[in-house]
Every structure is written in C-alpha cells, then in structure tokens.
Amino acid sequence: MSETKQLTPEELQQIKDLQRQYNQFVFELGSIEAQLQNVLATKAAVETEKSNILEDIKKLGDREKEVISTLQGKYGVGNIDPETGVITPF
C-alpha cells in the first residue's frame, strides 16, 4: 500500500481558495439568472400590455371611422373644429 502524503498548509489554502471562488462564481451566476428571469417575465408582461394597447388603438381608429362616416352622412364632408363643433365644408 502507498504511503499517504500531506499538502502543505499553503497548498491546502490554495485549494480552499479555488473552491471558495468557484462557489462564489456559481452563486453569482445563479443570482444573475434569477434577475434575468425576472426581466424576461417583466418584458413578457410589457409586451402583452403593448399588444393590448395597440389593439385598443385599432378599435379606436375603427370607431373614429364610424363616427366620421355618420357625421359626413349627416353634415357632408368638411373639417370639424373639436373645440366649437363648427363644420367647415371642403
């Protein structure tokens, strides 16, 4: 059987320092990954909200076309002053 050998205290400390640094890097990587997941979840929520707002804008545009069509049918084509309600025909 082989005789066991012993590292010097300095060599053992080097090994322990490397392990500690490795563990610290793994911890930091995990922390960054958790932050990234939070950012991605926030991004997804913001993108959903953006899509909803864009859909609302489209619906508003459709409603605007309906109102304009109704008003043009009633008053003819012209510019409407939204402050006074005065219609200036083209």
PDB file of N, CA and C in Angstrom:
ATOM      1  N   MET A   1       0.831  -1.173   0.000  1.00  0.00           N
ATOM      2  CA  MET A   1       0.000   0.000   0.000  1.00  0.00           C
ATOM      3  C   MET A   1       0.884   1.247   0.000  1.00  0.00           C
ATOM      4  N   SER A   2       0.401   2.294  -0.711  1.00  0.00           N
ATOM      5  CA  SER A   2       1.171   3.526  -0.820  1.00  0.00           C
ATOM      6  C   SER A   2       1.100   4.327   0.462  1.00  0.00           C
ATOM      7  N   GLU A   3       2.134   5.025   0.672  1.00  0.00           N
ATOM      8  CA  GLU A   3       2.194   5.898   1.831  1.00  0.00           C
ATOM      9  C   GLU A   3       1.413   7.183   1.519  1.00  0.00           C
ATOM     10  N   THR A   4       0.599   7.662   2.445  1.00  0.00           N
ATOM     11  CA  THR A   4      -0.144   8.910   2.234  1.00  0.00           C
ATOM     12  C   THR A   4       0.796  10.088   2.335  1.00  0.00           C
ATOM     13  N   LYS A   5       0.412  11.148   1.672  1.00  0.00           N
ATOM     14  CA  LYS A   5       1.219  12.366   1.692  1.00  0.00           C
ATOM     15  C   LYS A   5       0.332  13.508   2.146  1.00  0.00           C
ATOM     16  N   GLN A   6       0.921  14.537   2.586  1.00  0.00           N
ATOM     17  CA  GLN A   6       0.179  15.666   3.129  1.00  0.00           C
ATOM     18  C   GLN A   6       0.552  16.938   2.370  1.00  0.00           C
ATOM     19  N   LEU A   7      -0.481  17.711   1.974  1.00  0.00           N
ATOM     20  CA  LEU A   7      -0.225  19.017   1.368  1.00  0.00           C
ATOM     21  C   LEU A   7       0.304  19.963   2.430  1.00  0.00           C
ATOM     22  N   THR A   8       1.048  20.922   1.979  1.00  0.00           N
ATOM     23  CA  THR A   8       1.490  21.962   2.914  1.00  0.00           C
ATOM     24  C   THR A   8       0.276  22.831   3.235  1.00  0.00           C
ATOM     25  N   PRO A   9       0.326  23.546   4.333  1.00  0.00           N
ATOM     26  CA  PRO A   9      -0.790  24.441   4.656  1.00  0.00           C
ATOM     27  C   PRO A   9      -1.056  25.457   3.538  1.00  0.00           C
ATOM     28  N   GLU A  10      -0.033  25.932   2.890  1.00  0.00           N
ATOM     29  CA  GLU A  10      -0.200  26.898   1.803  1.00  0.00           C
ATOM     30  C   GLU A  10      -0.916  26.260   0.606  1.00  0.00           C
ATOM     31  N   GLU A  11      -0.530  25.028   0.266  1.00  0.00           N
ATOM     32  CA  GLU A  11      -1.171  24.310  -0.845  1.00  0.00           C
ATOM     33  C   GLU A  11      -2.628  24.021  -0.534  1.00  0.00           C
ATOM     34  N   LEU A  12      -2.884  23.606   0.692  1.00  0.00           N
ATOM     35  CA  LEU A  12      -4.264  23.346   1.103  1.00  0.00           C
ATOM     36  C   LEU A  12      -5.090  24.636   1.040  1.00  0.00           C
ATOM     37  N   GLN A  13      -4.488  25.740   1.438  1.00  0.00           N
ATOM     38  CA  GLN A  13      -5.187  27.026   1.384  1.00  0.00           C
ATOM     39  C   GLN A  13      -5.486  27.422  -0.062  1.00  0.00           C
ATOM     40  N   GLN A  14      -4.550  27.138  -0.974  1.00  0.00           N
ATOM     41  CA  GLN A  14      -4.790  27.414  -2.390  1.00  0.00           C
ATOM     42  C   GLN A  14      -6.002  26.635  -2.889  1.00  0.00           C
ATOM     43  N   ILE A  15      -6.092  25.375  -2.532  1.00  0.00           N
ATOM     44  CA  ILE A  15      -7.229  24.536  -2.941  1.00  0.00           C
ATOM     45  C   ILE A  15      -8.526  25.109  -2.368  1.00  0.00           C
ATOM     46  N   LYS A  16      -8.510  25.461  -1.101  1.00  0.00           N
ATOM     47  CA  LYS A  16      -9.707  26.014  -0.451  1.00  0.00           C
ATOM     48  C   LYS A  16     -10.098  27.340  -1.090  1.00  0.00           C
ATOM     49  N   ASP A  17      -9.122  28.175  -1.420  1.00  0.00           N
ATOM     50  CA  ASP A  17      -9.414  29.461  -2.069  1.00  0.00           C
ATOM     51  C   ASP A  17     -10.060  29.250  -3.437  1.00  0.00           C
ATOM     52  N   LEU A  18      -9.530  28.290  -4.195  1.00  0.00           N
ATOM     53  CA  LEU A  18     -10.117  27.989  -5.506  1.00  0.00           C
ATOM     54  C   LEU A  18     -11.561  27.515  -5.362  1.00  0.00           C
ATOM     55  N   GLN A  19     -11.814  26.644  -4.407  1.00  0.00           N
ATOM     56  CA  GLN A  19     -13.179  26.148  -4.178  1.00  0.00           C
ATOM     57  C   GLN A  19     -14.111  27.285  -3.765  1.00  0.00           C
ATOM     58  N   ARG A  20     -13.595  28.154  -2.896  1.00  0.00           N
ATOM     59  CA  ARG A  20     -14.422  29.284  -2.439  1.00  0.00           C
ATOM     60  C   ARG A  20     -14.751  30.196  -3.604  1.00  0.00           C
ATOM     61  N   GLN A  21     -13.762  30.494  -4.456  1.00  0.00           N
ATOM     62  CA  GLN A  21     -14.004  31.349  -5.623  1.00  0.00           C
ATOM     63  C   GLN A  21     -14.994  30.693  -6.584  1.00  0.00           C
ATOM     64  N   TYR A  22     -14.827  29.410  -6.810  1.00  0.00           N
ATOM     65  CA  TYR A  22     -15.744  28.688  -7.695  1.00  0.00           C
ATOM     66  C   TYR A  22     -17.167  28.767  -7.149  1.00  0.00           C
ATOM     67  N   ASN A  23     -17.317  28.501  -5.864  1.00  0.00           N
ATOM     68  CA  ASN A  23     -18.653  28.567  -5.250  1.00  0.00           C
ATOM     69  C   ASN A  23     -19.240  29.969  -5.351  1.00  0.00           C
ATOM     70  N   GLN A  24     -18.395  30.992  -5.190  1.00  0.00           N
ATOM     71  CA  GLN A  24     -18.867  32.376  -5.308  1.00  0.00           C
ATOM     72  C   GLN A  24     -19.338  32.665  -6.727  1.00  0.00           C
ATOM     73  N   PHE A  25     -18.574  32.202  -7.719  1.00  0.00           N
ATOM     74  CA  PHE A  25     -18.966  32.423  -9.119  1.00  0.00           C
ATOM     75  C   PHE A  25     -20.275  31.706  -9.442  1.00  0.00           C
ATOM     76  N   VAL A  26     -20.430  30.495  -8.950  1.00  0.00           N
ATOM     77  CA  VAL A  26     -21.671  29.751  -9.188  1.00  0.00           C
ATOM     78  C   VAL A  26     -22.849  30.485  -8.538  1.00  0.00           C
ATOM     79  N   PHE A  27     -22.649  30.991  -7.332  1.00  0.00           N
ATOM     80  CA  PHE A  27     -23.696  31.753  -6.654  1.00  0.00           C
ATOM     81  C   PHE A  27     -24.064  32.998  -7.454  1.00  0.00           C
ATOM     82  N   GLU A  28     -23.046  33.736  -7.919  1.00  0.00           N
ATOM     83  CA  GLU A  28     -23.292  34.953  -8.693  1.00  0.00           C
ATOM     84  C   GLU A  28     -24.009  34.634 -10.005  1.00  0.00           C
ATOM     85  N   LEU A  29     -23.626  33.548 -10.636  1.00  0.00           N
ATOM     86  CA  LEU A  29     -24.291  33.138 -11.872  1.00  0.00           C
ATOM     87  C   LEU A  29     -25.769  32.822 -11.618  1.00  0.00           C
ATOM     88  N   GLY A  30     -26.038  32.134 -10.518  1.00  0.00           N
ATOM     89  CA  GLY A  30     -27.427  31.850 -10.158  1.00  0.00           C
ATOM     90  C   GLY A  30     -28.218  33.123  -9.894  1.00  0.00           C
ATOM     91  N   SER A  31     -27.586  34.070  -9.225  1.00  0.00           N
ATOM     92  CA  SER A  31     -28.238  35.349  -8.948  1.00  0.00           C
ATOM     93  C   SER A  31     -28.549  36.095 -10.238  1.00  0.00           C
ATOM     94  N   ILE A  32     -27.588  36.098 -11.155  1.00  0.00           N
ATOM     95  CA  ILE A  32     -27.808  36.758 -12.447  1.00  0.00           C
ATOM     96  C   ILE A  32     -28.926  36.064 -13.216  1.00  0.00           C
ATOM     97  N   GLU A  33     -28.961  34.752 -13.179  1.00  0.00           N
ATOM     98  CA  GLU A  33     -30.014  34.018 -13.886  1.00  0.00           C
ATOM     99  C   GLU A  33     -31.388  34.346 -13.296  1.00  0.00           C
ATOM    100  N   ALA A  34     -31.469  34.449 -11.979  1.00  0.00           N
ATOM    101  CA  ALA A  34     -32.743  34.821 -11.344  1.00  0.00           C
ATOM    102  C   ALA A  34     -33.170  36.219 -11.773  1.00  0.00           C
ATOM    103  N   GLN A  35     -32.217  37.153 -11.816  1.00  0.00           N
ATOM    104  CA  GLN A  35     -32.530  38.510 -12.278  1.00  0.00           C
ATOM    105  C   GLN A  35     -32.996  38.491 -13.730  1.00  0.00           C
ATOM    106  N   LEU A  36     -32.326  37.696 -14.543  1.00  0.00           N
ATOM    107  CA  LEU A  36     -32.689  37.596 -15.956  1.00  0.00           C
ATOM    108  C   LEU A  36     -34.109  37.054 -16.119  1.00  0.00           C
ATOM    109  N   GLN A  37     -34.464  36.068 -15.320  1.00  0.00           N
ATOM    110  CA  GLN A  37     -35.813  35.520 -15.392  1.00  0.00           C
ATOM    111  C   GLN A  37     -36.851  36.580 -15.014  1.00  0.00           C
ATOM    112  N   ASN A  38     -36.527  37.407 -14.017  1.00  0.00           N
ATOM    113  CA  ASN A  38     -37.433  38.497 -13.645  1.00  0.00           C
ATOM    114  C   ASN A  38     -37.575  39.504 -14.773  1.00  0.00           C
ATOM    115  N   VAL A  39     -36.466  39.830 -15.425  1.00  0.00           N
ATOM    116  CA  VAL A  39     -36.504  40.773 -16.547  1.00  0.00           C
ATOM    117  C   VAL A  39     -37.342  40.199 -17.685  1.00  0.00           C
ATOM    118  N   LEU A  40     -37.143  38.913 -17.981  1.00  0.00           N
ATOM    119  CA  LEU A  40     -37.903  38.291 -19.072  1.00  0.00           C
ATOM    120  C   LEU A  40     -39.393  38.253 -18.759  1.00  0.00           C
ATOM    121  N   ALA A  41     -39.731  37.981 -17.504  1.00  0.00           N
ATOM    122  CA  ALA A  41     -41.147  37.977 -17.121  1.00  0.00           C
ATOM    123  C   ALA A  41     -41.736  39.376 -17.248  1.00  0.00           C
ATOM    124  N   THR A  42     -40.980  40.379 -16.832  1.00  0.00           N
ATOM    125  CA  THR A  42     -41.438  41.759 -16.957  1.00  0.00           C
ATOM    126  C   THR A  42     -41.590  42.136 -18.420  1.00  0.00           C
ATOM    127  N   LYS A  43     -40.623  41.724 -19.242  1.00  0.00           N
ATOM    128  CA  LYS A  43     -40.684  42.022 -20.676  1.00  0.00           C
ATOM    129  C   LYS A  43     -41.932  41.399 -21.288  1.00  0.00           C
ATOM    130  N   ALA A  44     -42.232  40.164 -20.931  1.00  0.00           N
ATOM    131  CA  ALA A  44     -43.414  39.496 -21.475  1.00  0.00           C
ATOM    132  C   ALA A  44     -44.683  40.241 -21.063  1.00  0.00           C
ATOM    133  N   ALA A  45     -44.741  40.677 -19.809  1.00  0.00           N
ATOM    134  CA  ALA A  45     -45.919  41.412 -19.341  1.00  0.00           C
ATOM    135  C   ALA A  45     -46.054  42.742 -20.078  1.00  0.00           C
ATOM    136  N   VAL A  46     -44.945  43.429 -20.295  1.00  0.00           N
ATOM    137  CA  VAL A  46     -44.972  44.712 -21.006  1.00  0.00           C
ATOM    138  C   VAL A  46     -45.378  44.502 -22.462  1.00  0.00           C
ATOM    139  N   GLU A  47     -44.878  43.440 -23.081  1.00  0.00           N
ATOM    140  CA  GLU A  47     -45.250  43.157 -24.472  1.00  0.00           C
ATOM    141  C   GLU A  47     -46.735  42.841 -24.585  1.00  0.00           C
ATOM    142  N   THR A  48     -47.281  42.132 -23.613  1.00  0.00           N
ATOM    143  CA  THR A  48     -48.714  41.848 -23.606  1.00  0.00           C
ATOM    144  C   THR A  48     -49.503  43.145 -23.465  1.00  0.00           C
ATOM    145  N   GLU A  49     -49.068  44.004 -22.556  1.00  0.00           N
ATOM    146  CA  GLU A  49     -49.741  45.296 -22.372  1.00  0.00           C
ATOM    147  C   GLU A  49     -49.658  46.130 -23.646  1.00  0.00           C
ATOM    148  N   LYS A  50     -48.495  46.122 -24.292  1.00  0.00           N
ATOM    149  CA  LYS A  50     -48.321  46.858 -25.546  1.00  0.00           C
ATOM    150  C   LYS A  50     -49.286  46.331 -26.603  1.00  0.00           C
ATOM    151  N   SER A  51     -49.382  45.015 -26.731  1.00  0.00           N
ATOM    152  CA  SER A  51     -50.304  44.431 -27.712  1.00  0.00           C
ATOM    153  C   SER A  51     -51.744  44.839 -27.423  1.00  0.00           C
ATOM    154  N   ASN A  52     -52.103  44.847 -26.144  1.00  0.00           N
ATOM    155  CA  ASN A  52     -53.465  45.251 -25.770  1.00  0.00           C
ATOM    156  C   ASN A  52     -53.722  46.710 -26.139  1.00  0.00           C
ATOM    157  N   ILE A  53     -52.756  47.564 -25.897  1.00  0.00           N
ATOM    158  CA  ILE A  53     -52.920  48.984 -26.218  1.00  0.00           C
ATOM    159  C   ILE A  53     -52.998  49.184 -27.727  1.00  0.00           C
ATOM    160  N   LEU A  54     -52.160  48.469 -28.471  1.00  0.00           N
ATOM    161  CA  LEU A  54     -52.224  48.579 -29.930  1.00  0.00           C
ATOM    162  C   LEU A  54     -53.583  48.120 -30.457  1.00  0.00           C
ATOM    163  N   GLU A  55     -54.124  47.079 -29.867  1.00  0.00           N
ATOM    164  CA  GLU A  55     -55.462  46.613 -30.263  1.00  0.00           C
ATOM    165  C   GLU A  55     -56.515  47.660 -29.913  1.00  0.00           C
ATOM    166  N   ASP A  56     -56.373  48.293 -28.743  1.00  0.00           N
ATOM    167  CA  ASP A  56     -57.301  49.361 -28.354  1.00  0.00           C
ATOM    168  C   ASP A  56     -57.214  50.544 -29.323  1.00  0.00           C
ATOM    169  N   ILE A  57     -55.998  50.879 -29.755  1.00  0.00           N
ATOM    170  CA  ILE A  57     -55.824  51.969 -30.715  1.00  0.00           C
ATOM    171  C   ILE A  57     -56.506  51.626 -32.029  1.00  0.00           C
ATOM    172  N   LYS A  58     -56.363  50.383 -32.464  1.00  0.00           N
ATOM    173  CA  LYS A  58     -57.027  49.958 -33.700  1.00  0.00           C
ATOM    174  C   LYS A  58     -58.549  50.072 -33.563  1.00  0.00           C
ATOM    175  N   LYS A  59     -59.076  49.605 -32.436  1.00  0.00           N
ATOM    176  CA  LYS A  59     -60.522  49.696 -32.205  1.00  0.00           C
ATOM    177  C   LYS A  59     -60.969  51.158 -32.189  1.00  0.00           C
ATOM    178  N   LEU A  60     -60.159  52.017 -31.578  1.00  0.00           N
ATOM    179  CA  LEU A  60     -60.487  53.439 -31.529  1.00  0.00           C
ATOM    180  C   LEU A  60     -60.498  54.029 -32.937  1.00  0.00           C
ATOM    181  N   GLY A  61     -59.528  53.630 -33.760  1.00  0.00           N
ATOM    182  CA  GLY A  61     -59.495  54.089 -35.149  1.00  0.00           C
ATOM    183  C   GLY A  61     -60.726  53.637 -35.912  1.00  0.00           C
ATOM    184  N   ASP A  62     -61.146  52.387 -35.680  1.00  0.00           N
ATOM    185  CA  ASP A  62     -62.358  51.884 -36.327  1.00  0.00           C
ATOM    186  C   ASP A  62     -63.581  52.680 -35.874  1.00  0.00           C
ATOM    187  N   ARG A  63     -63.639  52.973 -34.576  1.00  0.00           N
ATOM    188  CA  ARG A  63     -64.770  53.747 -34.035  1.00  0.00           C
ATOM    189  C   ARG A  63     -64.756  55.164 -34.615  1.00  0.00           C
ATOM    190  N   GLU A  64     -63.554  55.744 -34.745  1.00  0.00           N
ATOM    191  CA  GLU A  64     -63.425  57.081 -35.319  1.00  0.00           C
ATOM    192  C   GLU A  64     -63.960  57.101 -36.753  1.00  0.00           C
ATOM    193  N   LYS A  65     -63.630  56.081 -37.528  1.00  0.00           N
ATOM    194  CA  LYS A  65     -64.132  56.000 -38.906  1.00  0.00           C
ATOM    195  C   LYS A  65     -65.657  55.923 -38.931  1.00  0.00           C
ATOM    196  N   GLU A  66     -66.228  55.169 -37.998  1.00  0.00           N
ATOM    197  CA  GLU A  66     -67.696  55.066 -37.927  1.00  0.00           C
ATOM    198  C   GLU A  66     -68.323  56.430 -37.627  1.00  0.00           C
ATOM    199  N   VAL A  67     -67.751  57.136 -36.635  1.00  0.00           N
ATOM    200  CA  VAL A  67     -68.294  58.444 -36.250  1.00  0.00           C
ATOM    201  C   VAL A  67     -68.169  59.422 -37.413  1.00  0.00           C
ATOM    202  N   ILE A  68     -67.000  59.431 -38.071  1.00  0.00           N
ATOM    203  CA  ILE A  68     -66.794  60.339 -39.208  1.00  0.00           C
ATOM    204  C   ILE A  68     -67.785  60.026 -40.325  1.00  0.00           C
ATOM    205  N   SER A  69     -67.974  58.763 -40.592  1.00  0.00           N
ATOM    206  CA  SER A  69     -68.911  58.371 -41.645  1.00  0.00           C
ATOM    207  C   SER A  69     -70.327  58.834 -41.309  1.00  0.00           C
ATOM    208  N   THR A  70     -70.718  58.652 -40.073  1.00  0.00           N
ATOM    209  CA  THR A  70     -72.057  59.087 -39.642  1.00  0.00           C
ATOM    210  C   THR A  70     -72.197  60.597 -39.756  1.00  0.00           C
ATOM    211  N   LEU A  71     -71.187  61.340 -39.295  1.00  0.00           N
ATOM    212  CA  LEU A  71     -71.252  62.799 -39.350  1.00  0.00           C
ATOM    213  C   LEU A  71     -71.215  63.313 -40.789  1.00  0.00           C
ATOM    214  N   GLN A  72     -70.409  62.669 -41.644  1.00  0.00           N
ATOM    215  CA  GLN A  72     -70.364  63.086 -43.045  1.00  0.00           C
ATOM    216  C   GLN A  72     -71.702  62.803 -43.727  1.00  0.00           C
ATOM    217  N   GLY A  73     -72.347  61.723 -43.352  1.00  0.00           N
ATOM    218  CA  GLY A  73     -73.668  61.435 -43.898  1.00  0.00           C
ATOM    219  C   GLY A  73     -74.684  62.488 -43.492  1.00  0.00           C
ATOM    220  N   LYS A  74     -74.541  62.998 -42.284  1.00  0.00           N
ATOM    221  CA  LYS A  74     -75.480  63.978 -41.768  1.00  0.00           C
ATOM    222  C   LYS A  74     -75.132  65.402 -42.198  1.00  0.00           C
ATOM    223  N   TYR A  75     -73.846  65.780 -42.194  1.00  0.00           N
ATOM    224  CA  TYR A  75     -73.447  67.172 -42.425  1.00  0.00           C
ATOM    225  C   TYR A  75     -72.649  67.389 -43.711  1.00  0.00           C
ATOM    226  N   GLY A  76     -72.248  66.318 -44.368  1.00  0.00           N
ATOM    227  CA  GLY A  76     -71.398  66.449 -45.544  1.00  0.00           C
ATOM    228  C   GLY A  76     -69.926  66.432 -45.138  1.00  0.00           C
ATOM    229  N   VAL A  77     -69.083  66.461 -46.159  1.00  0.00           N
ATOM    230  CA  VAL A  77     -67.639  66.379 -45.919  1.00  0.00           C
ATOM    231  C   VAL A  77     -67.119  67.755 -45.537  1.00  0.00           C
ATOM    232  N   GLY A  78     -66.269  67.802 -44.503  1.00  0.00           N
ATOM    233  CA  GLY A  78     -65.687  69.069 -44.072  1.00  0.00           C
ATOM    234  C   GLY A  78     -64.768  68.856 -42.884  1.00  0.00           C
ATOM    235  N   ASN A  79     -64.180  69.939 -42.449  1.00  0.00           N
ATOM    236  CA  ASN A  79     -63.329  69.927 -41.254  1.00  0.00           C
ATOM    237  C   ASN A  79     -64.185  70.271 -40.048  1.00  0.00           C
ATOM    238  N   ILE A  80     -63.963  69.523 -38.966  1.00  0.00           N
ATOM    239  CA  ILE A  80     -64.696  69.785 -37.723  1.00  0.00           C
ATOM    240  C   ILE A  80     -63.731  70.387 -36.716  1.00  0.00           C
ATOM    241  N   ASP A  81     -64.121  71.508 -36.142  1.00  0.00           N
ATOM    242  CA  ASP A  81     -63.343  72.092 -35.052  1.00  0.00           C
ATOM    243  C   ASP A  81     -63.807  71.390 -33.770  1.00  0.00           C
ATOM    244  N   PRO A  82     -62.948  70.575 -33.156  1.00  0.00           N
ATOM    245  CA  PRO A  82     -63.379  69.813 -31.981  1.00  0.00           C
ATOM    246  C   PRO A  82     -63.663  70.679 -30.761  1.00  0.00           C
ATOM    247  N   GLU A  83     -63.206  71.924 -30.762  1.00  0.00           N
ATOM    248  CA  GLU A  83     -63.465  72.825 -29.633  1.00  0.00           C
ATOM    249  C   GLU A  83     -64.852  73.437 -29.735  1.00  0.00           C
ATOM    250  N   THR A  84     -65.252  73.813 -30.958  1.00  0.00           N
ATOM    251  CA  THR A  84     -66.518  74.552 -31.123  1.00  0.00           C
ATOM    252  C   THR A  84     -67.608  73.725 -31.768  1.00  0.00           C
ATOM    253  N   GLY A  85     -67.215  72.650 -32.475  1.00  0.00           N
ATOM    254  CA  GLY A  85     -68.210  71.855 -33.184  1.00  0.00           C
ATOM    255  C   GLY A  85     -68.583  72.435 -34.534  1.00  0.00           C
ATOM    256  N   VAL A  86     -67.909  73.497 -34.966  1.00  0.00           N
ATOM    257  CA  VAL A  86     -68.199  74.125 -36.246  1.00  0.00           C
ATOM    258  C   VAL A  86     -67.615  73.264 -37.365  1.00  0.00           C
ATOM    259  N   ILE A  87     -68.443  73.024 -38.399  1.00  0.00           N
ATOM    260  CA  ILE A  87     -68.015  72.238 -39.559  1.00  0.00           C
ATOM    261  C   ILE A  87     -67.792  73.207 -40.714  1.00  0.00           C
ATOM    262  N   THR A  88     -66.592  73.153 -41.271  1.00  0.00           N
ATOM    263  CA  THR A  88     -66.251  73.971 -42.426  1.00  0.00           C
ATOM    264  C   THR A  88     -66.206  73.046 -43.635  1.00  0.00           C
ATOM    265  N   PRO A  89     -67.168  73.206 -44.566  1.00  0.00           N
ATOM    266  CA  PRO A  89     -67.188  72.317 -45.728  1.00  0.00           C
ATOM    267  C   PRO A  89     -65.934  72.479 -46.577  1.00  0.00           C
ATOM    268  N   PHE A  90     -65.558  71.406 -47.249  1.00  0.00           N
ATOM    269  CA  PHE A  90     -64.424  71.447 -48.191  1.00  0.00           C
ATOM    270  C   PHE A  90     -64.844  72.162 -49.434  1.00  0.00           C
TER     271      PHE A  90
END
